[in-house]
């Protein structure tokens, strides 16, 4: 972190830990978009020099941003490092934040862009864990049928399914994986994703269509050739 940042690295690290503790208490609440008016007040206070207000923003947004970044990197250490960089960049840039978009969209844009840049520079690929898939995917009819009963064979099937999904996700471009993460795992609507990525909703839909097709192809192959 730059020495010019008012918040030291250790302080941000402690705040990230606080945010993760909050995530453990209420993961589902963390998935909901925070109230804009509360964010506006905290942003205004931060811009006026109140560092404690930014502390509150860090704690509030750590749970969701952690999930976003982790599902794009599949590495806890990289995620923690990126979160510190993301919040450091946000703190440096917040004086220039004019509220043309919500703080929610602004901080997610920083997070996605920095993570995409990280992936491109490092050539990292992330793996999609079934434990992190949201209720929308878990309620899929075929997924429910597959997980309806438990047996050694079915457990082997689930392990193979996860491996196949991981392989499919690794074949997607960084941009397609980002959209899949935001839509299927984070539960963001198309409109919000388009604002974060600064692309049209049509582009978001086309990327999702392509990515879902690839994932479906792998799933179809798995159903035709299950573990025996």
C-alpha atoms as a PDB file:
ATOM      1  CA  UNK A   1       0.000   0.000   0.000  1.00  0.00           C
ATOM      2  CA  UNK A   2       1.188   3.501  -0.726  1.00  0.00           C
ATOM      3  CA  UNK A   3       2.641   5.382   2.220  1.00  0.00           C
ATOM      4  CA  UNK A   4       0.330   8.287   1.393  1.00  0.00           C
ATOM      5  CA  UNK A   5      -2.742   6.307   2.441  1.00  0.00           C
ATOM      6  CA  UNK A   6      -4.113   7.385   5.786  1.00  0.00           C
ATOM      7  CA  UNK A   7      -5.305   3.902   6.694  1.00  0.00           C
ATOM      8  CA  UNK A   8      -2.314   1.607   7.463  1.00  0.00           C
ATOM      9  CA  UNK A   9      -2.208  -1.926   6.051  1.00  0.00           C
ATOM     10  CA  UNK A  10      -2.641  -3.487   9.501  1.00  0.00           C
ATOM     11  CA  UNK A  11      -5.742  -1.421  10.140  1.00  0.00           C
ATOM     12  CA  UNK A  12      -7.348  -2.472   6.868  1.00  0.00           C
ATOM     13  CA  UNK A  13      -6.373  -6.074   7.605  1.00  0.00           C
ATOM     14  CA  UNK A  14      -8.103  -5.871  10.990  1.00  0.00           C
ATOM     15  CA  UNK A  15     -11.173  -4.360   9.381  1.00  0.00           C
ATOM     16  CA  UNK A  16     -11.272  -7.143   6.797  1.00  0.00           C
ATOM     17  CA  UNK A  17     -11.256  -9.662   9.632  1.00  0.00           C
ATOM     18  CA  UNK A  18     -14.135  -7.828  11.276  1.00  0.00           C
ATOM     19  CA  UNK A  19     -16.029  -7.917   8.027  1.00  0.00           C
ATOM     20  CA  UNK A  20     -15.476 -11.660   7.660  1.00  0.00           C
ATOM     21  CA  UNK A  21     -16.756 -12.220  11.191  1.00  0.00           C
ATOM     22  CA  UNK A  22     -19.916 -10.408  10.176  1.00  0.00           C
ATOM     23  CA  UNK A  23     -20.113 -12.642   7.103  1.00  0.00           C
ATOM     24  CA  UNK A  24     -20.083 -15.738   9.276  1.00  0.00           C
ATOM     25  CA  UNK A  25     -22.979 -14.384  11.346  1.00  0.00           C
ATOM     26  CA  UNK A  26     -25.227 -13.517   8.411  1.00  0.00           C
ATOM     27  CA  UNK A  27     -24.044 -14.600   4.984  1.00  0.00           C
ATOM     28  CA  UNK A  28     -27.473 -14.158   3.421  1.00  0.00           C
ATOM     29  CA  UNK A  29     -27.864 -10.587   4.727  1.00  0.00           C
ATOM     30  CA  UNK A  30     -24.499  -9.753   3.226  1.00  0.00           C
ATOM     31  CA  UNK A  31     -25.824 -10.760  -0.186  1.00  0.00           C
ATOM     32  CA  UNK A  32     -28.384  -7.948  -0.123  1.00  0.00           C
ATOM     33  CA  UNK A  33     -27.449  -4.591  -1.608  1.00  0.00           C
ATOM     34  CA  UNK A  34     -26.753  -2.085   1.181  1.00  0.00           C
ATOM     35  CA  UNK A  35     -28.981   0.970   1.573  1.00  0.00           C
ATOM     36  CA  UNK A  36     -27.747   3.764  -0.660  1.00  0.00           C
ATOM     37  CA  UNK A  37     -28.583   6.569   1.789  1.00  0.00           C
ATOM     38  CA  UNK A  38     -26.402   4.990   4.474  1.00  0.00           C
ATOM     39  CA  UNK A  39     -23.552   4.693   2.004  1.00  0.00           C
ATOM     40  CA  UNK A  40     -23.938   8.311   0.905  1.00  0.00           C
ATOM     41  CA  UNK A  41     -23.637   9.490   4.496  1.00  0.00           C
ATOM     42  CA  UNK A  42     -20.534   7.364   5.109  1.00  0.00           C
ATOM     43  CA  UNK A  43     -18.949   8.512   1.847  1.00  0.00           C
ATOM     44  CA  UNK A  44     -19.603  12.176   2.694  1.00  0.00           C
ATOM     45  CA  UNK A  45     -18.057  11.735   6.135  1.00  0.00           C
ATOM     46  CA  UNK A  46     -15.037   9.994   4.621  1.00  0.00           C
ATOM     47  CA  UNK A  47     -14.590  12.790   2.095  1.00  0.00           C
ATOM     48  CA  UNK A  48     -14.648  15.232   5.008  1.00  0.00           C
ATOM     49  CA  UNK A  49     -11.748  13.410   6.642  1.00  0.00           C
ATOM     50  CA  UNK A  50     -13.575  11.002   8.959  1.00  0.00           C
ATOM     51  CA  UNK A  51     -11.539   7.796   8.556  1.00  0.00           C
ATOM     52  CA  UNK A  52     -13.860   5.907  10.905  1.00  0.00           C
ATOM     53  CA  UNK A  53     -16.652   6.295   8.335  1.00  0.00           C
ATOM     54  CA  UNK A  54     -14.525   4.480   5.766  1.00  0.00           C
ATOM     55  CA  UNK A  55     -13.869   1.804   8.394  1.00  0.00           C
ATOM     56  CA  UNK A  56     -17.617   1.174   8.422  1.00  0.00           C
ATOM     57  CA  UNK A  57     -17.711   0.891   4.637  1.00  0.00           C
ATOM     58  CA  UNK A  58     -14.870  -1.649   4.734  1.00  0.00           C
ATOM     59  CA  UNK A  59     -16.700  -3.773   7.310  1.00  0.00           C
ATOM     60  CA  UNK A  60     -19.983  -3.500   5.418  1.00  0.00           C
ATOM     61  CA  UNK A  61     -18.589  -4.466   2.015  1.00  0.00           C
ATOM     62  CA  UNK A  62     -15.963  -7.028   2.988  1.00  0.00           C
ATOM     63  CA  UNK A  63     -18.357 -10.039   3.044  1.00  0.00           C
ATOM     64  CA  UNK A  64     -19.711  -9.539  -0.456  1.00  0.00           C
ATOM     65  CA  UNK A  65     -16.436  -8.428  -2.037  1.00  0.00           C
ATOM     66  CA  UNK A  66     -14.629 -11.346  -0.437  1.00  0.00           C
ATOM     67  CA  UNK A  67     -17.086 -13.754  -2.069  1.00  0.00           C
ATOM     68  CA  UNK A  68     -16.757 -11.988  -5.412  1.00  0.00           C
ATOM     69  CA  UNK A  69     -12.962 -11.950  -5.476  1.00  0.00           C
ATOM     70  CA  UNK A  70     -12.543 -15.436  -4.045  1.00  0.00           C
ATOM     71  CA  UNK A  71     -14.830 -16.962  -6.655  1.00  0.00           C
ATOM     72  CA  UNK A  72     -12.722 -15.311  -9.351  1.00  0.00           C
ATOM     73  CA  UNK A  73      -9.343 -16.342  -7.905  1.00  0.00           C
ATOM     74  CA  UNK A  74     -10.112 -19.492  -5.872  1.00  0.00           C
ATOM     75  CA  UNK A  75      -7.277 -18.521  -3.550  1.00  0.00           C
ATOM     76  CA  UNK A  76      -7.765 -17.110  -0.050  1.00  0.00           C
ATOM     77  CA  UNK A  77      -4.329 -15.500   0.152  1.00  0.00           C
ATOM     78  CA  UNK A  78      -4.766 -13.757  -3.206  1.00  0.00           C
ATOM     79  CA  UNK A  79      -8.259 -12.672  -2.136  1.00  0.00           C
ATOM     80  CA  UNK A  80      -7.026 -11.122   1.102  1.00  0.00           C
ATOM     81  CA  UNK A  81      -4.220  -9.298  -0.725  1.00  0.00           C
ATOM     82  CA  UNK A  82      -6.596  -8.042  -3.405  1.00  0.00           C
ATOM     83  CA  UNK A  83      -9.140  -6.817  -0.865  1.00  0.00           C
ATOM     84  CA  UNK A  84      -6.505  -4.718   0.848  1.00  0.00           C
ATOM     85  CA  UNK A  85      -5.495  -3.252  -2.520  1.00  0.00           C
ATOM     86  CA  UNK A  86      -9.132  -2.681  -3.494  1.00  0.00           C
ATOM     87  CA  UNK A  87     -10.005  -0.785  -0.323  1.00  0.00           C
ATOM     88  CA  UNK A  88      -6.722   1.131  -0.449  1.00  0.00           C
ATOM     89  CA  UNK A  89      -7.478   2.252  -3.997  1.00  0.00           C
ATOM     90  CA  UNK A  90     -11.037   3.153  -3.037  1.00  0.00           C
ATOM     91  CA  UNK A  91      -9.822   5.217  -0.103  1.00  0.00           C
ATOM     92  CA  UNK A  92      -7.384   7.122  -2.292  1.00  0.00           C
ATOM     93  CA  UNK A  93     -10.017   7.750  -4.960  1.00  0.00           C
ATOM     94  CA  UNK A  94     -13.031   8.460  -2.778  1.00  0.00           C
ATOM     95  CA  UNK A  95     -12.525  12.226  -2.794  1.00  0.00           C
ATOM     96  CA  UNK A  96     -13.193  12.091  -6.518  1.00  0.00           C
ATOM     97  CA  UNK A  97     -16.377  10.061  -6.080  1.00  0.00           C
ATOM     98  CA  UNK A  98     -19.273  12.271  -7.165  1.00  0.00           C
ATOM     99  CA  UNK A  99     -22.175   9.884  -6.709  1.00  0.00           C
ATOM    100  CA  UNK A 100     -23.020   9.502 -10.404  1.00  0.00           C
ATOM    101  CA  UNK A 101     -23.394   5.825  -9.574  1.00  0.00           C
ATOM    102  CA  UNK A 102     -24.072   4.249  -6.189  1.00  0.00           C
ATOM    103  CA  UNK A 103     -21.125   3.499  -3.937  1.00  0.00           C
ATOM    104  CA  UNK A 104     -22.179  -0.153  -4.250  1.00  0.00           C
ATOM    105  CA  UNK A 105     -21.615  -0.063  -8.020  1.00  0.00           C
ATOM    106  CA  UNK A 106     -18.441   2.004  -7.698  1.00  0.00           C
ATOM    107  CA  UNK A 107     -16.697  -0.291  -5.202  1.00  0.00           C
ATOM    108  CA  UNK A 108     -17.730  -3.403  -7.139  1.00  0.00           C
ATOM    109  CA  UNK A 109     -16.339  -1.881 -10.340  1.00  0.00           C
ATOM    110  CA  UNK A 110     -13.000  -1.334  -8.618  1.00  0.00           C
ATOM    111  CA  UNK A 111     -13.043  -4.881  -7.253  1.00  0.00           C
ATOM    112  CA  UNK A 112     -13.904  -6.549 -10.559  1.00  0.00           C
ATOM    113  CA  UNK A 113     -11.454  -4.509 -12.613  1.00  0.00           C
ATOM    114  CA  UNK A 114      -8.573  -5.048 -10.189  1.00  0.00           C
ATOM    115  CA  UNK A 115      -9.294  -8.773 -10.006  1.00  0.00           C
ATOM    116  CA  UNK A 116      -9.487  -9.092 -13.796  1.00  0.00           C
ATOM    117  CA  UNK A 117      -6.165  -7.274 -14.102  1.00  0.00           C
ATOM    118  CA  UNK A 118      -4.674  -9.587 -11.498  1.00  0.00           C
ATOM    119  CA  UNK A 119      -5.890 -12.666 -13.353  1.00  0.00           C
ATOM    120  CA  UNK A 120      -4.535 -11.412 -16.660  1.00  0.00           C
ATOM    121  CA  UNK A 121      -1.135 -10.580 -15.197  1.00  0.00           C
ATOM    122  CA  UNK A 122      -0.783 -13.806 -13.261  1.00  0.00           C
ATOM    123  CA  UNK A 123      -2.621 -16.079 -15.674  1.00  0.00           C
ATOM    124  CA  UNK A 124      -4.604 -17.438 -12.754  1.00  0.00           C
ATOM    125  CA  UNK A 125      -7.686 -19.595 -13.177  1.00  0.00           C
ATOM    126  CA  UNK A 126     -10.279 -19.999 -10.488  1.00  0.00           C
ATOM    127  CA  UNK A 127     -12.402 -22.981  -9.595  1.00  0.00           C
ATOM    128  CA  UNK A 128     -16.119 -22.828  -8.845  1.00  0.00           C
ATOM    129  CA  UNK A 129     -16.979 -24.557  -5.585  1.00  0.00           C
ATOM    130  CA  UNK A 130     -20.446 -26.035  -5.314  1.00  0.00           C
ATOM    131  CA  UNK A 131     -20.507 -24.853  -1.692  1.00  0.00           C
ATOM    132  CA  UNK A 132     -20.469 -21.248  -2.955  1.00  0.00           C
ATOM    133  CA  UNK A 133     -23.220 -21.608  -5.564  1.00  0.00           C
ATOM    134  CA  UNK A 134     -26.265 -19.587  -4.556  1.00  0.00           C
ATOM    135  CA  UNK A 135     -29.778 -20.843  -3.911  1.00  0.00           C
ATOM    136  CA  UNK A 136     -30.826 -20.171  -7.499  1.00  0.00           C
ATOM    137  CA  UNK A 137     -28.421 -22.787  -8.790  1.00  0.00           C
ATOM    138  CA  UNK A 138     -29.033 -25.167  -5.893  1.00  0.00           C
ATOM    139  CA  UNK A 139     -32.763 -25.114  -6.668  1.00  0.00           C
ATOM    140  CA  UNK A 140     -32.196 -26.160 -10.262  1.00  0.00           C
ATOM    141  CA  UNK A 141     -34.387 -29.238 -10.939  1.00  0.00           C
ATOM    142  CA  UNK A 142     -31.602 -31.364 -12.372  1.00  0.00           C
ATOM    143  CA  UNK A 143     -29.223 -30.368  -9.576  1.00  0.00           C
ATOM    144  CA  UNK A 144     -31.840 -31.286  -6.962  1.00  0.00           C
ATOM    145  CA  UNK A 145     -32.461 -34.648  -8.627  1.00  0.00           C
ATOM    146  CA  UNK A 146     -28.747 -35.359  -8.624  1.00  0.00           C
ATOM    147  CA  UNK A 147     -28.411 -34.517  -4.910  1.00  0.00           C
ATOM    148  CA  UNK A 148     -31.741 -36.003  -3.758  1.00  0.00           C
ATOM    149  CA  UNK A 149     -30.223 -39.038  -2.063  1.00  0.00           C
ATOM    150  CA  UNK A 150     -26.877 -39.897  -0.563  1.00  0.00           C
ATOM    151  CA  UNK A 151     -24.827 -42.931  -1.461  1.00  0.00           C
ATOM    152  CA  UNK A 152     -21.193 -43.725  -2.231  1.00  0.00           C
ATOM    153  CA  UNK A 153     -21.985 -43.686  -5.937  1.00  0.00           C
ATOM    154  CA  UNK A 154     -23.859 -40.402  -5.703  1.00  0.00           C
ATOM    155  CA  UNK A 155     -21.070 -38.826  -3.668  1.00  0.00           C
ATOM    156  CA  UNK A 156     -18.661 -39.893  -6.399  1.00  0.00           C
ATOM    157  CA  UNK A 157     -21.021 -38.366  -8.958  1.00  0.00           C
ATOM    158  CA  UNK A 158     -21.038 -35.051  -7.077  1.00  0.00           C
ATOM    159  CA  UNK A 159     -17.253 -35.042  -6.860  1.00  0.00           C
ATOM    160  CA  UNK A 160     -17.018 -35.687 -10.581  1.00  0.00           C
ATOM    161  CA  UNK A 161     -19.656 -33.022 -11.288  1.00  0.00           C
ATOM    162  CA  UNK A 162     -17.632 -30.440  -9.381  1.00  0.00           C
ATOM    163  CA  UNK A 163     -14.493 -31.446 -11.275  1.00  0.00           C
ATOM    164  CA  UNK A 164     -16.316 -31.072 -14.588  1.00  0.00           C
ATOM    165  CA  UNK A 165     -17.695 -27.676 -13.600  1.00  0.00           C
ATOM    166  CA  UNK A 166     -14.232 -26.567 -12.529  1.00  0.00           C
ATOM    167  CA  UNK A 167     -12.822 -27.605 -15.880  1.00  0.00           C
ATOM    168  CA  UNK A 168     -15.591 -25.741 -17.703  1.00  0.00           C
ATOM    169  CA  UNK A 169     -15.043 -22.578 -15.680  1.00  0.00           C
ATOM    170  CA  UNK A 170     -11.299 -22.688 -16.335  1.00  0.00           C
ATOM    171  CA  UNK A 171     -11.952 -22.755 -20.064  1.00  0.00           C
ATOM    172  CA  UNK A 172     -13.961 -19.535 -19.923  1.00  0.00           C
ATOM    173  CA  UNK A 173     -12.299 -16.169 -20.422  1.00  0.00           C
ATOM    174  CA  UNK A 174     -11.746 -13.980 -17.360  1.00  0.00           C
ATOM    175  CA  UNK A 175     -14.578 -11.709 -18.489  1.00  0.00           C
ATOM    176  CA  UNK A 176     -17.030 -14.591 -18.863  1.00  0.00           C
ATOM    177  CA  UNK A 177     -16.066 -16.008 -15.474  1.00  0.00           C
ATOM    178  CA  UNK A 178     -16.598 -12.594 -13.892  1.00  0.00           C
ATOM    179  CA  UNK A 179     -20.137 -12.407 -15.268  1.00  0.00           C
ATOM    180  CA  UNK A 180     -20.937 -15.951 -14.159  1.00  0.00           C
ATOM    181  CA  UNK A 181     -19.620 -15.166 -10.673  1.00  0.00           C
ATOM    182  CA  UNK A 182     -21.661 -11.984 -10.326  1.00  0.00           C
ATOM    183  CA  UNK A 183     -24.876 -13.449 -11.737  1.00  0.00           C
ATOM    184  CA  UNK A 184     -24.956 -17.051 -10.522  1.00  0.00           C
ATOM    185  CA  UNK A 185     -22.995 -16.775  -7.274  1.00  0.00           C
ATOM    186  CA  UNK A 186     -23.448 -13.147  -6.180  1.00  0.00           C
ATOM    187  CA  UNK A 187     -27.032 -13.012  -7.430  1.00  0.00           C
ATOM    188  CA  UNK A 188     -26.667  -9.637  -9.156  1.00  0.00           C
ATOM    189  CA  UNK A 189     -29.237  -8.581 -11.774  1.00  0.00           C
ATOM    190  CA  UNK A 190     -28.163  -7.936 -15.367  1.00  0.00           C
ATOM    191  CA  UNK A 191     -28.588  -4.176 -14.942  1.00  0.00           C
ATOM    192  CA  UNK A 192     -26.210  -3.989 -11.979  1.00  0.00           C
ATOM    193  CA  UNK A 193     -23.594  -6.144 -13.712  1.00  0.00           C
ATOM    194  CA  UNK A 194     -23.731  -3.893 -16.768  1.00  0.00           C
ATOM    195  CA  UNK A 195     -23.069  -0.841 -14.587  1.00  0.00           C
ATOM    196  CA  UNK A 196     -20.157  -2.519 -12.824  1.00  0.00           C
ATOM    197  CA  UNK A 197     -18.521  -3.718 -16.046  1.00  0.00           C
ATOM    198  CA  UNK A 198     -19.560  -0.618 -17.992  1.00  0.00           C
ATOM    199  CA  UNK A 199     -21.007  -2.680 -20.807  1.00  0.00           C
ATOM    200  CA  UNK A 200     -24.550  -2.958 -22.135  1.00  0.00           C
ATOM    201  CA  UNK A 201     -27.079  -5.345 -20.635  1.00  0.00           C
ATOM    202  CA  UNK A 202     -27.083  -7.067 -24.013  1.00  0.00           C
ATOM    203  CA  UNK A 203     -23.371  -7.777 -23.622  1.00  0.00           C
ATOM    204  CA  UNK A 204     -23.953  -9.153 -20.131  1.00  0.00           C
ATOM    205  CA  UNK A 205     -26.695 -11.434 -21.431  1.00  0.00           C
ATOM    206  CA  UNK A 206     -24.609 -12.643 -24.368  1.00  0.00           C
ATOM    207  CA  UNK A 207     -21.649 -13.445 -22.094  1.00  0.00           C
ATOM    208  CA  UNK A 208     -23.918 -15.334 -19.732  1.00  0.00           C
ATOM    209  CA  UNK A 209     -25.519 -17.197 -22.630  1.00  0.00           C
ATOM    210  CA  UNK A 210     -22.127 -18.276 -23.936  1.00  0.00           C
ATOM    211  CA  UNK A 211     -20.800 -19.247 -20.498  1.00  0.00           C
ATOM    212  CA  UNK A 212     -23.968 -21.121 -19.549  1.00  0.00           C
ATOM    213  CA  UNK A 213     -23.860 -23.020 -22.820  1.00  0.00           C
ATOM    214  CA  UNK A 214     -20.313 -24.150 -22.112  1.00  0.00           C
ATOM    215  CA  UNK A 215     -21.196 -25.203 -18.579  1.00  0.00           C
ATOM    216  CA  UNK A 216     -24.295 -27.007 -19.830  1.00  0.00           C
ATOM    217  CA  UNK A 217     -22.262 -28.913 -22.403  1.00  0.00           C
ATOM    218  CA  UNK A 218     -20.001 -30.209 -19.661  1.00  0.00           C
ATOM    219  CA  UNK A 219     -22.991 -31.091 -17.492  1.00  0.00           C
ATOM    220  CA  UNK A 220     -24.660 -32.929 -20.385  1.00  0.00           C
ATOM    221  CA  UNK A 221     -21.490 -34.930 -20.947  1.00  0.00           C
ATOM    222  CA  UNK A 222     -21.407 -35.799 -17.260  1.00  0.00           C
ATOM    223  CA  UNK A 223     -25.033 -37.001 -17.281  1.00  0.00           C
ATOM    224  CA  UNK A 224     -24.335 -39.181 -20.322  1.00  0.00           C
ATOM    225  CA  UNK A 225     -21.186 -40.628 -18.764  1.00  0.00           C
ATOM    226  CA  UNK A 226     -21.630 -40.641 -14.946  1.00  0.00           C
ATOM    227  CA  UNK A 227     -19.166 -42.215 -12.556  1.00  0.00           C
ATOM    228  CA  UNK A 228     -19.872 -45.942 -12.277  1.00  0.00           C
END
